[in-house]
């Protein structure tokens, strides 16, 4: 699937997607899913599959399982499983403390 998907609800991606995924809630990229050349914006994001692109999360990002992520990530909170693979850059904005 290609294009722009905008939702106010949680989203579980199980297939392939290219484009923009925008959610005011939670987005999960499932273990068999591929998001290629993607802009992903959501409150919280969990990635277990493959992702290539840009991620912006207002709350948190967690890369889990055997995920393969190549991205620029902007989020105030970040977690990553020992078994996952990440290439890219992480920007953690100043929270004002």
Protein backbone atom coordinates (compact mmCIF):
# COMPACT_ATOMS: atom_id res chain seq x y z
CA UNK A 1 0.00 0.00 0.00
CA UNK A 2 1.23 3.51 -0.80
CA UNK A 3 -0.05 6.91 0.19
CA UNK A 4 -1.06 8.82 3.30
CA UNK A 5 -2.99 7.29 6.18
CA UNK A 6 -4.34 9.57 8.91
CA UNK A 7 -6.14 8.19 11.98
CA UNK A 8 -7.07 9.20 15.49
CA UNK A 9 -7.02 5.60 16.64
CA UNK A 10 -4.37 2.96 17.26
CA UNK A 11 -2.98 1.29 14.16
CA UNK A 12 -1.38 -2.14 13.62
CA UNK A 13 0.57 -2.46 10.36
CA UNK A 14 0.85 -6.10 9.26
CA UNK A 15 1.77 -5.73 5.57
CA UNK A 16 3.85 -3.36 3.47
CA UNK A 17 3.46 0.40 3.41
CA UNK A 18 5.21 3.36 1.78
CA UNK A 19 4.23 6.95 2.45
CA UNK A 20 2.96 8.78 5.53
CA UNK A 21 1.33 7.20 8.61
CA UNK A 22 -0.10 9.82 10.96
CA UNK A 23 -1.87 8.90 14.20
CA UNK A 24 -2.75 10.82 17.34
CA UNK A 25 -2.61 7.48 19.21
CA UNK A 26 -0.34 4.38 19.06
CA UNK A 27 1.19 2.73 15.98
CA UNK A 28 2.68 -0.78 15.90
CA UNK A 29 4.74 -2.12 12.98
CA UNK A 30 4.25 -5.90 13.32
CA UNK A 31 7.13 -8.39 13.07
CA UNK A 32 6.38 -9.33 9.44
CA UNK A 33 5.56 -5.79 8.30
CA UNK A 34 7.69 -3.47 6.16
CA UNK A 35 7.40 0.32 6.17
CA UNK A 36 9.69 1.64 3.42
CA UNK A 37 10.50 5.31 2.74
CA UNK A 38 7.96 6.21 5.37
CA UNK A 39 7.13 9.21 7.55
CA UNK A 40 5.61 7.92 10.79
CA UNK A 41 4.12 10.35 13.33
CA UNK A 42 2.22 9.20 16.42
CA UNK A 43 2.01 9.58 20.18
CA UNK A 44 3.70 6.23 20.80
CA UNK A 45 5.30 3.79 18.38
CA UNK A 46 6.42 0.15 18.65
CA UNK A 47 8.40 -1.44 15.82
CA UNK A 48 8.97 -5.19 15.48
CA UNK A 49 9.33 -5.33 11.69
CA UNK A 50 11.37 -3.39 9.12
CA UNK A 51 11.28 0.40 8.94
CA UNK A 52 13.11 2.89 6.72
CA UNK A 53 12.35 6.58 7.05
CA UNK A 54 11.55 9.25 9.63
CA UNK A 55 9.83 8.73 12.99
CA UNK A 56 8.36 11.43 15.23
CA UNK A 57 6.69 10.38 18.47
CA UNK A 58 5.36 12.80 21.07
CA UNK A 59 5.56 10.20 23.88
CA UNK A 60 7.82 7.21 23.09
CA UNK A 61 9.38 4.82 20.59
CA UNK A 62 10.30 1.20 21.32
CA UNK A 63 12.17 -1.03 18.87
CA UNK A 64 11.48 -4.63 19.85
CA UNK A 65 12.25 -8.20 18.93
CA UNK A 66 14.32 -8.62 15.78
CA UNK A 67 13.22 -5.32 14.26
CA UNK A 68 15.43 -3.71 11.62
CA UNK A 69 15.18 0.08 11.71
CA UNK A 70 17.03 2.64 9.58
CA UNK A 71 15.64 6.01 10.59
CA UNK A 72 15.92 9.44 12.05
CA UNK A 73 13.88 9.28 15.26
CA UNK A 74 12.64 12.26 17.26
CA UNK A 75 11.07 11.36 20.60
CA UNK A 76 11.38 12.25 24.30
CA UNK A 77 11.60 8.56 25.32
CA UNK A 78 13.36 5.69 23.51
CA UNK A 79 13.81 1.97 24.18
CA UNK A 80 15.38 -0.81 22.16
CA UNK A 81 15.63 -4.58 22.59
CA UNK A 82 19.09 -6.17 22.57
CA UNK A 83 18.00 -8.36 19.65
CA UNK A 84 16.93 -5.48 17.39
CA UNK A 85 19.05 -3.60 14.84
CA UNK A 86 19.13 0.20 14.50
CA UNK A 87 20.98 2.46 12.08
CA UNK A 88 20.38 6.19 12.09
CA UNK A 89 20.00 9.10 14.43
CA UNK A 90 17.98 9.69 17.59
CA UNK A 91 16.96 13.21 18.61
CA UNK A 92 15.61 13.58 22.14
CA UNK A 93 14.17 17.07 22.64
CA UNK A 94 14.88 18.94 25.86
CA UNK A 95 11.95 18.37 28.19
CA UNK A 96 12.53 21.64 30.05
CA UNK A 97 14.14 20.22 33.21
